[in-house]
Amino acid sequence: MLKLLGIKSSRGTRLTVNLILLSSIWWYFFNLELGKAYEFTISAVPYWFLITFGCYALIKIGLGLSTLRDCVEESASLDKEIKEAKAFLSQKGLKTTN
C-alpha cells in the first residue's frame, strides 16, 4: 500500500498499516445491517485469518525443517573444535569419552 504511494517504510510500518486497513474494512462490514448469515460469516473472518496464518506458519516451518540444507563446512569446523577442546581438557587432566 505504501509502496503504491511512493513512501519508503520499514516492514513493521507496512504491517501496521495493512493491519489497520484490514481491521477498518472488517469493522465496516461488521457494522452493516446484513442478514444473520452474513453477520455470522463476517464475525468469523478474524478467526479464519488467524487459523490460516497458523497453518501457513506451520507449513513454512515444516518445509524448512524437511529441506534443511547440509552444512559440510560447519560440520567439519565443529568436529575440529570438539577435537581441540578434548585435547585441551586432556592436557588439564580431565578424561573425555568419545
PDB file of N, CA and C in Angstrom:
ATOM      1  N   MET A   1       0.827  -1.189   0.000  1.00  0.00           N
ATOM      2  CA  MET A   1       0.000   0.000   0.000  1.00  0.00           C
ATOM      3  C   MET A   1       0.870   1.251   0.000  1.00  0.00           C
ATOM      4  N   LEU A   2       1.840   1.290   0.908  1.00  0.00           N
ATOM      5  CA  LEU A   2       2.706   2.460   0.982  1.00  0.00           C
ATOM      6  C   LEU A   2       3.625   2.552  -0.224  1.00  0.00           C
ATOM      7  N   LYS A   3       4.003   1.395  -0.790  1.00  0.00           N
ATOM      8  CA  LYS A   3       4.850   1.413  -1.987  1.00  0.00           C
ATOM      9  C   LYS A   3       4.102   2.039  -3.159  1.00  0.00           C
ATOM     10  N   LEU A   4       2.793   1.799  -3.210  1.00  0.00           N
ATOM     11  CA  LEU A   4       1.999   2.396  -4.281  1.00  0.00           C
ATOM     12  C   LEU A   4       1.982   3.915  -4.178  1.00  0.00           C
ATOM     13  N   LEU A   5       2.059   4.426  -2.957  1.00  0.00           N
ATOM     14  CA  LEU A   5       2.070   5.870  -2.746  1.00  0.00           C
ATOM     15  C   LEU A   5       3.466   6.457  -2.869  1.00  0.00           C
ATOM     16  N   GLY A   6       4.473   5.611  -3.022  1.00  0.00           N
ATOM     17  CA  GLY A   6       5.845   6.077  -3.159  1.00  0.00           C
ATOM     18  C   GLY A   6       6.495   6.424  -1.833  1.00  0.00           C
ATOM     19  N   ILE A   7       5.975   5.868  -0.742  1.00  0.00           N
ATOM     20  CA  ILE A   7       6.508   6.153   0.586  1.00  0.00           C
ATOM     21  C   ILE A   7       7.404   5.000   1.006  1.00  0.00           C
ATOM     22  N   LYS A   8       8.641   5.317   1.387  1.00  0.00           N
ATOM     23  CA  LYS A   8       9.538   4.282   1.891  1.00  0.00           C
ATOM     24  C   LYS A   8       9.220   4.056   3.363  1.00  0.00           C
ATOM     25  N   SER A   9       9.124   2.793   3.733  1.00  0.00           N
ATOM     26  CA  SER A   9       8.788   2.485   5.122  1.00  0.00           C
ATOM     27  C   SER A   9       9.414   1.158   5.513  1.00  0.00           C
ATOM     28  N   SER A  10       9.455   0.939   6.810  1.00  0.00           N
ATOM     29  CA  SER A  10      10.012  -0.314   7.310  1.00  0.00           C
ATOM     30  C   SER A  10       8.958  -1.412   7.217  1.00  0.00           C
ATOM     31  N   ARG A  11       9.391  -2.610   7.451  1.00  0.00           N
ATOM     32  CA  ARG A  11       8.493  -3.752   7.377  1.00  0.00           C
ATOM     33  C   ARG A  11       7.407  -3.664   8.450  1.00  0.00           C
ATOM     34  N   GLY A  12       7.790  -3.206   9.635  1.00  0.00           N
ATOM     35  CA  GLY A  12       6.823  -3.068  10.723  1.00  0.00           C
ATOM     36  C   GLY A  12       5.764  -2.026  10.425  1.00  0.00           C
ATOM     37  N   THR A  13       6.174  -0.931   9.789  1.00  0.00           N
ATOM     38  CA  THR A  13       5.214   0.108   9.423  1.00  0.00           C
ATOM     39  C   THR A  13       4.232  -0.410   8.387  1.00  0.00           C
ATOM     40  N   ARG A  14       4.731  -1.131   7.403  1.00  0.00           N
ATOM     41  CA  ARG A  14       3.842  -1.702   6.385  1.00  0.00           C
ATOM     42  C   ARG A  14       2.866  -2.684   7.006  1.00  0.00           C
ATOM     43  N   LEU A  15       3.349  -3.512   7.929  1.00  0.00           N
ATOM     44  CA  LEU A  15       2.480  -4.473   8.594  1.00  0.00           C
ATOM     45  C   LEU A  15       1.400  -3.757   9.385  1.00  0.00           C
ATOM     46  N   THR A  16       1.779  -2.717  10.116  1.00  0.00           N
ATOM     47  CA  THR A  16       0.815  -1.974  10.918  1.00  0.00           C
ATOM     48  C   THR A  16      -0.235  -1.302  10.042  1.00  0.00           C
ATOM     49  N   VAL A  17       0.189  -0.668   8.971  1.00  0.00           N
ATOM     50  CA  VAL A  17      -0.758  -0.009   8.066  1.00  0.00           C
ATOM     51  C   VAL A  17      -1.708  -1.028   7.454  1.00  0.00           C
ATOM     52  N   ASN A  18      -1.189  -2.175   7.033  1.00  0.00           N
ATOM     53  CA  ASN A  18      -2.047  -3.203   6.444  1.00  0.00           C
ATOM     54  C   ASN A  18      -3.023  -3.770   7.462  1.00  0.00           C
ATOM     55  N   LEU A  19      -2.582  -3.972   8.702  1.00  0.00           N
ATOM     56  CA  LEU A  19      -3.491  -4.471   9.734  1.00  0.00           C
ATOM     57  C   LEU A  19      -4.591  -3.459  10.039  1.00  0.00           C
ATOM     58  N   ILE A  20      -4.235  -2.194  10.104  1.00  0.00           N
ATOM     59  CA  ILE A  20      -5.245  -1.157  10.348  1.00  0.00           C
ATOM     60  C   ILE A  20      -6.233  -1.098   9.191  1.00  0.00           C
ATOM     61  N   LEU A  21      -5.736  -1.197   7.967  1.00  0.00           N
ATOM     62  CA  LEU A  21      -6.606  -1.171   6.799  1.00  0.00           C
ATOM     63  C   LEU A  21      -7.565  -2.360   6.801  1.00  0.00           C
ATOM     64  N   LEU A  22      -7.040  -3.560   7.031  1.00  0.00           N
ATOM     65  CA  LEU A  22      -7.897  -4.746   7.061  1.00  0.00           C
ATOM     66  C   LEU A  22      -8.894  -4.691   8.209  1.00  0.00           C
ATOM     67  N   SER A  23      -8.461  -4.195   9.368  1.00  0.00           N
ATOM     68  CA  SER A  23      -9.366  -4.068  10.510  1.00  0.00           C
ATOM     69  C   SER A  23     -10.481  -3.072  10.216  1.00  0.00           C
ATOM     70  N   SER A  24     -10.141  -1.988   9.538  1.00  0.00           N
ATOM     71  CA  SER A  24     -11.153  -0.985   9.194  1.00  0.00           C
ATOM     72  C   SER A  24     -12.182  -1.555   8.228  1.00  0.00           C
ATOM     73  N   ILE A  25     -11.714  -2.288   7.237  1.00  0.00           N
ATOM     74  CA  ILE A  25     -12.633  -2.909   6.278  1.00  0.00           C
ATOM     75  C   ILE A  25     -13.523  -3.915   6.984  1.00  0.00           C
ATOM     76  N   TRP A  26     -12.923  -4.729   7.854  1.00  0.00           N
ATOM     77  CA  TRP A  26     -13.717  -5.710   8.594  1.00  0.00           C
ATOM     78  C   TRP A  26     -14.739  -5.002   9.470  1.00  0.00           C
ATOM     79  N   TRP A  27     -14.350  -3.955  10.166  1.00  0.00           N
ATOM     80  CA  TRP A  27     -15.263  -3.233  11.059  1.00  0.00           C
ATOM     81  C   TRP A  27     -16.410  -2.608  10.264  1.00  0.00           C
ATOM     82  N   TYR A  28     -16.106  -2.110   9.068  1.00  0.00           N
ATOM     83  CA  TYR A  28     -17.142  -1.539   8.211  1.00  0.00           C
ATOM     84  C   TYR A  28     -18.181  -2.601   7.863  1.00  0.00           C
ATOM     85  N   PHE A  29     -17.745  -3.756   7.399  1.00  0.00           N
ATOM     86  CA  PHE A  29     -18.679  -4.815   7.039  1.00  0.00           C
ATOM     87  C   PHE A  29     -19.396  -5.374   8.261  1.00  0.00           C
ATOM     88  N   PHE A  30     -18.725  -5.385   9.397  1.00  0.00           N
ATOM     89  CA  PHE A  30     -19.328  -5.914  10.619  1.00  0.00           C
ATOM     90  C   PHE A  30     -20.487  -5.034  11.078  1.00  0.00           C
ATOM     91  N   ASN A  31     -20.394  -3.735  10.839  1.00  0.00           N
ATOM     92  CA  ASN A  31     -21.431  -2.813  11.297  1.00  0.00           C
ATOM     93  C   ASN A  31     -22.546  -2.579  10.281  1.00  0.00           C
ATOM     94  N   LEU A  32     -22.470  -3.166   9.118  1.00  0.00           N
ATOM     95  CA  LEU A  32     -23.554  -3.053   8.148  1.00  0.00           C
ATOM     96  C   LEU A  32     -24.734  -3.899   8.601  1.00  0.00           C
ATOM     97  N   GLU A  33     -25.911  -3.486   8.215  1.00  0.00           N
ATOM     98  CA  GLU A  33     -27.116  -4.251   8.536  1.00  0.00           C
ATOM     99  C   GLU A  33     -27.342  -5.290   7.440  1.00  0.00           C
ATOM    100  N   LEU A  34     -26.780  -6.451   7.640  1.00  0.00           N
ATOM    101  CA  LEU A  34     -26.938  -7.549   6.697  1.00  0.00           C
ATOM    102  C   LEU A  34     -27.757  -8.632   7.382  1.00  0.00           C
ATOM    103  N   GLY A  35     -27.949  -9.725   6.735  1.00  0.00           N
ATOM    104  CA  GLY A  35     -28.690 -10.822   7.339  1.00  0.00           C
ATOM    105  C   GLY A  35     -27.865 -11.531   8.404  1.00  0.00           C
ATOM    106  N   LYS A  36     -28.536 -12.423   9.131  1.00  0.00           N
ATOM    107  CA  LYS A  36     -27.860 -13.167  10.205  1.00  0.00           C
ATOM    108  C   LYS A  36     -26.718 -14.028   9.667  1.00  0.00           C
ATOM    109  N   ALA A  37     -26.911 -14.621   8.511  1.00  0.00           N
ATOM    110  CA  ALA A  37     -25.863 -15.475   7.940  1.00  0.00           C
ATOM    111  C   ALA A  37     -24.623 -14.650   7.623  1.00  0.00           C
ATOM    112  N   TYR A  38     -24.819 -13.458   7.092  1.00  0.00           N
ATOM    113  CA  TYR A  38     -23.682 -12.596   6.781  1.00  0.00           C
ATOM    114  C   TYR A  38     -22.992 -12.117   8.048  1.00  0.00           C
ATOM    115  N   GLU A  39     -23.787 -11.788   9.083  1.00  0.00           N
ATOM    116  CA  GLU A  39     -23.201 -11.348  10.349  1.00  0.00           C
ATOM    117  C   GLU A  39     -22.328 -12.447  10.945  1.00  0.00           C
ATOM    118  N   PHE A  40     -22.812 -13.685  10.888  1.00  0.00           N
ATOM    119  CA  PHE A  40     -22.032 -14.809  11.412  1.00  0.00           C
ATOM    120  C   PHE A  40     -20.742 -14.974  10.618  1.00  0.00           C
ATOM    121  N   THR A  41     -20.837 -14.862   9.300  1.00  0.00           N
ATOM    122  CA  THR A  41     -19.663 -15.015   8.444  1.00  0.00           C
ATOM    123  C   THR A  41     -18.654 -13.904   8.694  1.00  0.00           C
ATOM    124  N   ILE A  42     -19.122 -12.669   8.768  1.00  0.00           N
ATOM    125  CA  ILE A  42     -18.226 -11.532   8.983  1.00  0.00           C
ATOM    126  C   ILE A  42     -17.570 -11.618  10.355  1.00  0.00           C
ATOM    127  N   SER A  43     -18.312 -12.069  11.367  1.00  0.00           N
ATOM    128  CA  SER A  43     -17.728 -12.158  12.708  1.00  0.00           C
ATOM    129  C   SER A  43     -16.670 -13.255  12.795  1.00  0.00           C
ATOM    130  N   ALA A  44     -16.722 -14.235  11.899  1.00  0.00           N
ATOM    131  CA  ALA A  44     -15.751 -15.331  11.927  1.00  0.00           C
ATOM    132  C   ALA A  44     -14.491 -15.035  11.121  1.00  0.00           C
ATOM    133  N   VAL A  45     -14.471 -13.953  10.366  1.00  0.00           N
ATOM    134  CA  VAL A  45     -13.333 -13.641   9.495  1.00  0.00           C
ATOM    135  C   VAL A  45     -12.015 -13.501  10.264  1.00  0.00           C
ATOM    136  N   PRO A  46     -11.958 -12.784  11.403  1.00  0.00           N
ATOM    137  CA  PRO A  46     -10.669 -12.689  12.106  1.00  0.00           C
ATOM    138  C   PRO A  46     -10.133 -14.049  12.553  1.00  0.00           C
ATOM    139  N   TYR A  47     -11.020 -14.927  12.999  1.00  0.00           N
ATOM    140  CA  TYR A  47     -10.584 -16.262  13.410  1.00  0.00           C
ATOM    141  C   TYR A  47     -10.088 -17.054  12.207  1.00  0.00           C
ATOM    142  N   TRP A  48     -10.762 -16.876  11.070  1.00  0.00           N
ATOM    143  CA  TRP A  48     -10.341 -17.562   9.861  1.00  0.00           C
ATOM    144  C   TRP A  48      -8.945 -17.097   9.453  1.00  0.00           C
ATOM    145  N   PHE A  49      -8.688 -15.782   9.516  1.00  0.00           N
ATOM    146  CA  PHE A  49      -7.353 -15.261   9.209  1.00  0.00           C
ATOM    147  C   PHE A  49      -6.313 -15.814  10.173  1.00  0.00           C
ATOM    148  N   LEU A  50      -6.655 -15.875  11.444  1.00  0.00           N
ATOM    149  CA  LEU A  50      -5.721 -16.382  12.447  1.00  0.00           C
ATOM    150  C   LEU A  50      -5.393 -17.854  12.202  1.00  0.00           C
ATOM    151  N   ILE A  51      -6.392 -18.660  11.934  1.00  0.00           N
ATOM    152  CA  ILE A  51      -6.175 -20.084  11.673  1.00  0.00           C
ATOM    153  C   ILE A  51      -5.390 -20.275  10.375  1.00  0.00           C
ATOM    154  N   THR A  52      -5.717 -19.492   9.355  1.00  0.00           N
ATOM    155  CA  THR A  52      -4.994 -19.580   8.086  1.00  0.00           C
ATOM    156  C   THR A  52      -3.529 -19.215   8.263  1.00  0.00           C
ATOM    157  N   PHE A  53      -3.260 -18.151   9.027  1.00  0.00           N
ATOM    158  CA  PHE A  53      -1.879 -17.760   9.280  1.00  0.00           C
ATOM    159  C   PHE A  53      -1.142 -18.844  10.062  1.00  0.00           C
ATOM    160  N   GLY A  54      -1.811 -19.459  11.050  1.00  0.00           N
ATOM    161  CA  GLY A  54      -1.190 -20.538  11.815  1.00  0.00           C
ATOM    162  C   GLY A  54      -0.834 -21.724  10.932  1.00  0.00           C
ATOM    163  N   CYS A  55      -1.738 -22.093  10.036  1.00  0.00           N
ATOM    164  CA  CYS A  55      -1.462 -23.197   9.112  1.00  0.00           C
ATOM    165  C   CYS A  55      -0.301 -22.854   8.184  1.00  0.00           C
ATOM    166  N   TYR A  56      -0.290 -21.630   7.683  1.00  0.00           N
ATOM    167  CA  TYR A  56       0.801 -21.189   6.814  1.00  0.00           C
ATOM    168  C   TYR A  56       2.135 -21.249   7.553  1.00  0.00           C
ATOM    169  N   ALA A  57       2.143 -20.771   8.802  1.00  0.00           N
ATOM    170  CA  ALA A  57       3.386 -20.776   9.579  1.00  0.00           C
ATOM    171  C   ALA A  57       3.865 -22.202   9.830  1.00  0.00           C
ATOM    172  N   LEU A  58       2.941 -23.104  10.168  1.00  0.00           N
ATOM    173  CA  LEU A  58       3.330 -24.498  10.403  1.00  0.00           C
ATOM    174  C   LEU A  58       3.867 -25.150   9.133  1.00  0.00           C
ATOM    175  N   ILE A  59       3.257 -24.850   8.005  1.00  0.00           N
ATOM    176  CA  ILE A  59       3.740 -25.409   6.737  1.00  0.00           C
ATOM    177  C   ILE A  59       5.137 -24.881   6.419  1.00  0.00           C
ATOM    178  N   LYS A  60       5.353 -23.576   6.615  1.00  0.00           N
ATOM    179  CA  LYS A  60       6.674 -23.000   6.347  1.00  0.00           C
ATOM    180  C   LYS A  60       7.737 -23.603   7.268  1.00  0.00           C
ATOM    181  N   ILE A  61       7.407 -23.782   8.541  1.00  0.00           N
ATOM    182  CA  ILE A  61       8.358 -24.382   9.483  1.00  0.00           C
ATOM    183  C   ILE A  61       8.629 -25.828   9.097  1.00  0.00           C
ATOM    184  N   GLY A  62       7.581 -26.575   8.764  1.00  0.00           N
ATOM    185  CA  GLY A  62       7.750 -27.970   8.366  1.00  0.00           C
ATOM    186  C   GLY A  62       8.592 -28.115   7.113  1.00  0.00           C
ATOM    187  N   LEU A  63       8.332 -27.272   6.115  1.00  0.00           N
ATOM    188  CA  LEU A  63       9.137 -27.325   4.892  1.00  0.00           C
ATOM    189  C   LEU A  63      10.579 -26.924   5.167  1.00  0.00           C
ATOM    190  N   GLY A  64      10.761 -25.940   6.031  1.00  0.00           N
ATOM    191  CA  GLY A  64      12.117 -25.519   6.373  1.00  0.00           C
ATOM    192  C   GLY A  64      12.893 -26.622   7.064  1.00  0.00           C
ATOM    193  N   LEU A  65      12.213 -27.358   7.937  1.00  0.00           N
ATOM    194  CA  LEU A  65      12.887 -28.458   8.635  1.00  0.00           C
ATOM    195  C   LEU A  65      13.129 -29.653   7.722  1.00  0.00           C
ATOM    196  N   SER A  66      12.185 -29.916   6.826  1.00  0.00           N
ATOM    197  CA  SER A  66      12.345 -31.085   5.959  1.00  0.00           C
ATOM    198  C   SER A  66      13.373 -30.851   4.857  1.00  0.00           C
ATOM    199  N   THR A  67      13.598 -29.625   4.483  1.00  0.00           N
ATOM    200  CA  THR A  67      14.579 -29.330   3.438  1.00  0.00           C
ATOM    201  C   THR A  67      15.823 -28.683   4.021  1.00  0.00           C
ATOM    202  N   LEU A  68      16.121 -29.032   5.251  1.00  0.00           N
ATOM    203  CA  LEU A  68      17.281 -28.468   5.932  1.00  0.00           C
ATOM    204  C   LEU A  68      18.539 -28.812   5.143  1.00  0.00           C
ATOM    205  N   ARG A  69      19.262 -27.789   4.768  1.00  0.00           N
ATOM    206  CA  ARG A  69      20.458 -28.000   3.962  1.00  0.00           C
ATOM    207  C   ARG A  69      21.597 -28.522   4.830  1.00  0.00           C
ATOM    208  N   ASP A  70      22.393 -29.398   4.254  1.00  0.00           N
ATOM    209  CA  ASP A  70      23.574 -29.886   4.951  1.00  0.00           C
ATOM    210  C   ASP A  70      24.654 -28.818   4.888  1.00  0.00           C
ATOM    211  N   CYS A  71      25.298 -28.606   6.010  1.00  0.00           N
ATOM    212  CA  CYS A  71      26.368 -27.606   6.092  1.00  0.00           C
ATOM    213  C   CYS A  71      27.669 -28.350   6.349  1.00  0.00           C
ATOM    214  N   VAL A  72      28.313 -28.784   5.287  1.00  0.00           N
ATOM    215  CA  VAL A  72      29.512 -29.603   5.388  1.00  0.00           C
ATOM    216  C   VAL A  72      30.643 -28.829   6.053  1.00  0.00           C
ATOM    217  N   GLU A  73      30.825 -27.572   5.664  1.00  0.00           N
ATOM    218  CA  GLU A  73      31.918 -26.774   6.227  1.00  0.00           C
ATOM    219  C   GLU A  73      31.725 -26.555   7.725  1.00  0.00           C
ATOM    220  N   GLU A  74      30.495 -26.254   8.129  1.00  0.00           N
ATOM    221  CA  GLU A  74      30.224 -26.019   9.543  1.00  0.00           C
ATOM    222  C   GLU A  74      30.394 -27.302  10.348  1.00  0.00           C
ATOM    223  N   SER A  75      30.022 -28.432   9.752  1.00  0.00           N
ATOM    224  CA  SER A  75      30.189 -29.714  10.430  1.00  0.00           C
ATOM    225  C   SER A  75      31.663 -30.019  10.652  1.00  0.00           C
ATOM    226  N   ALA A  76      32.481 -29.786   9.636  1.00  0.00           N
ATOM    227  CA  ALA A  76      33.920 -30.021   9.769  1.00  0.00           C
ATOM    228  C   ALA A  76      34.529 -29.080  10.796  1.00  0.00           C
ATOM    229  N   SER A  77      34.092 -27.831  10.795  1.00  0.00           N
ATOM    230  CA  SER A  77      34.589 -26.858  11.766  1.00  0.00           C
ATOM    231  C   SER A  77      34.213 -27.261  13.189  1.00  0.00           C
ATOM    232  N   LEU A  78      32.983 -27.741  13.368  1.00  0.00           N
ATOM    233  CA  LEU A  78      32.544 -28.179  14.694  1.00  0.00           C
ATOM    234  C   LEU A  78      33.334 -29.395  15.160  1.00  0.00           C
ATOM    235  N   ASP A  79      33.579 -30.355  14.263  1.00  0.00           N
ATOM    236  CA  ASP A  79      34.391 -31.522  14.622  1.00  0.00           C
ATOM    237  C   ASP A  79      35.799 -31.102  15.034  1.00  0.00           C
ATOM    238  N   LYS A  80      36.369 -30.147  14.323  1.00  0.00           N
ATOM    239  CA  LYS A  80      37.704 -29.654  14.650  1.00  0.00           C
ATOM    240  C   LYS A  80      37.716 -29.001  16.031  1.00  0.00           C
ATOM    241  N   GLU A  81      36.705 -28.195  16.325  1.00  0.00           N
ATOM    242  CA  GLU A  81      36.622 -27.539  17.630  1.00  0.00           C
ATOM    243  C   GLU A  81      36.442 -28.549  18.757  1.00  0.00           C
ATOM    244  N   ILE A  82      35.684 -29.608  18.501  1.00  0.00           N
ATOM    245  CA  ILE A  82      35.492 -30.651  19.516  1.00  0.00           C
ATOM    246  C   ILE A  82      36.814 -31.350  19.803  1.00  0.00           C
ATOM    247  N   LYS A  83      37.573 -31.663  18.748  1.00  0.00           N
ATOM    248  CA  LYS A  83      38.877 -32.308  18.943  1.00  0.00           C
ATOM    249  C   LYS A  83      39.832 -31.395  19.706  1.00  0.00           C
ATOM    250  N   GLU A  84      39.820 -30.095  19.377  1.00  0.00           N
ATOM    251  CA  GLU A  84      40.674 -29.145  20.098  1.00  0.00           C
ATOM    252  C   GLU A  84      40.275 -29.057  21.567  1.00  0.00           C
ATOM    253  N   ALA A  85      38.985 -29.055  21.839  1.00  0.00           N
ATOM    254  CA  ALA A  85      38.518 -28.974  23.221  1.00  0.00           C
ATOM    255  C   ALA A  85      38.900 -30.229  23.995  1.00  0.00           C
ATOM    256  N   LYS A  86      38.781 -31.399  23.355  1.00  0.00           N
ATOM    257  CA  LYS A  86      39.165 -32.643  24.026  1.00  0.00           C
ATOM    258  C   LYS A  86      40.659 -32.656  24.318  1.00  0.00           C
ATOM    259  N   ALA A  87      41.467 -32.180  23.359  1.00  0.00           N
ATOM    260  CA  ALA A  87      42.916 -32.127  23.576  1.00  0.00           C
ATOM    261  C   ALA A  87      43.249 -31.167  24.709  1.00  0.00           C
ATOM    262  N   PHE A  88      42.596 -30.025  24.759  1.00  0.00           N
ATOM    263  CA  PHE A  88      42.832 -29.046  25.815  1.00  0.00           C
ATOM    264  C   PHE A  88      42.454 -29.616  27.178  1.00  0.00           C
ATOM    265  N   LEU A  89      41.295 -30.280  27.242  1.00  0.00           N
ATOM    266  CA  LEU A  89      40.847 -30.836  28.518  1.00  0.00           C
ATOM    267  C   LEU A  89      41.729 -31.996  28.965  1.00  0.00           C
ATOM    268  N   SER A  90      42.223 -32.795  28.006  1.00  0.00           N
ATOM    269  CA  SER A  90      43.106 -33.900  28.393  1.00  0.00           C
ATOM    270  C   SER A  90      44.451 -33.372  28.893  1.00  0.00           C
ATOM    271  N   GLN A  91      44.917 -32.223  28.383  1.00  0.00           N
ATOM    272  CA  GLN A  91      46.143 -31.601  28.899  1.00  0.00           C
ATOM    273  C   GLN A  91      45.945 -31.138  30.335  1.00  0.00           C
ATOM    274  N   LYS A  92      44.737 -30.733  30.670  1.00  0.00           N
ATOM    275  CA  LYS A  92      44.444 -30.261  32.024  1.00  0.00           C
ATOM    276  C   LYS A  92      44.165 -31.419  32.984  1.00  0.00           C
ATOM    277  N   GLY A  93      44.158 -32.644  32.468  1.00  0.00           N
ATOM    278  CA  GLY A  93      43.984 -33.816  33.310  1.00  0.00           C
ATOM    279  C   GLY A  93      42.559 -34.335  33.382  1.00  0.00           C
ATOM    280  N   LEU A  94      41.676 -33.831  32.552  1.00  0.00           N
ATOM    281  CA  LEU A  94      40.291 -34.280  32.550  1.00  0.00           C
ATOM    282  C   LEU A  94      40.123 -35.355  31.487  1.00  0.00           C
ATOM    283  N   LYS A  95      39.525 -36.472  31.869  1.00  0.00           N
ATOM    284  CA  LYS A  95      39.311 -37.556  30.919  1.00  0.00           C
ATOM    285  C   LYS A  95      38.035 -37.286  30.131  1.00  0.00           C
ATOM    286  N   THR A  96      38.116 -37.468  28.827  1.00  0.00           N
ATOM    287  CA  THR A  96      36.943 -37.298  27.963  1.00  0.00           C
ATOM    288  C   THR A  96      36.628 -38.627  27.305  1.00  0.00           C
ATOM    289  N   THR A  97      35.369 -38.820  26.998  1.00  0.00           N
ATOM    290  CA  THR A  97      34.949 -40.045  26.306  1.00  0.00           C
ATOM    291  C   THR A  97      34.633 -39.700  24.862  1.00  0.00           C
ATOM    292  N   ASN A  98      34.657 -40.719  24.013  1.00  0.00           N
ATOM    293  CA  ASN A  98      34.385 -40.488  22.584  1.00  0.00           C
ATOM    294  C   ASN A  98      32.945 -40.394  22.350  1.00  0.00           C
TER     295      ASN A  98
END
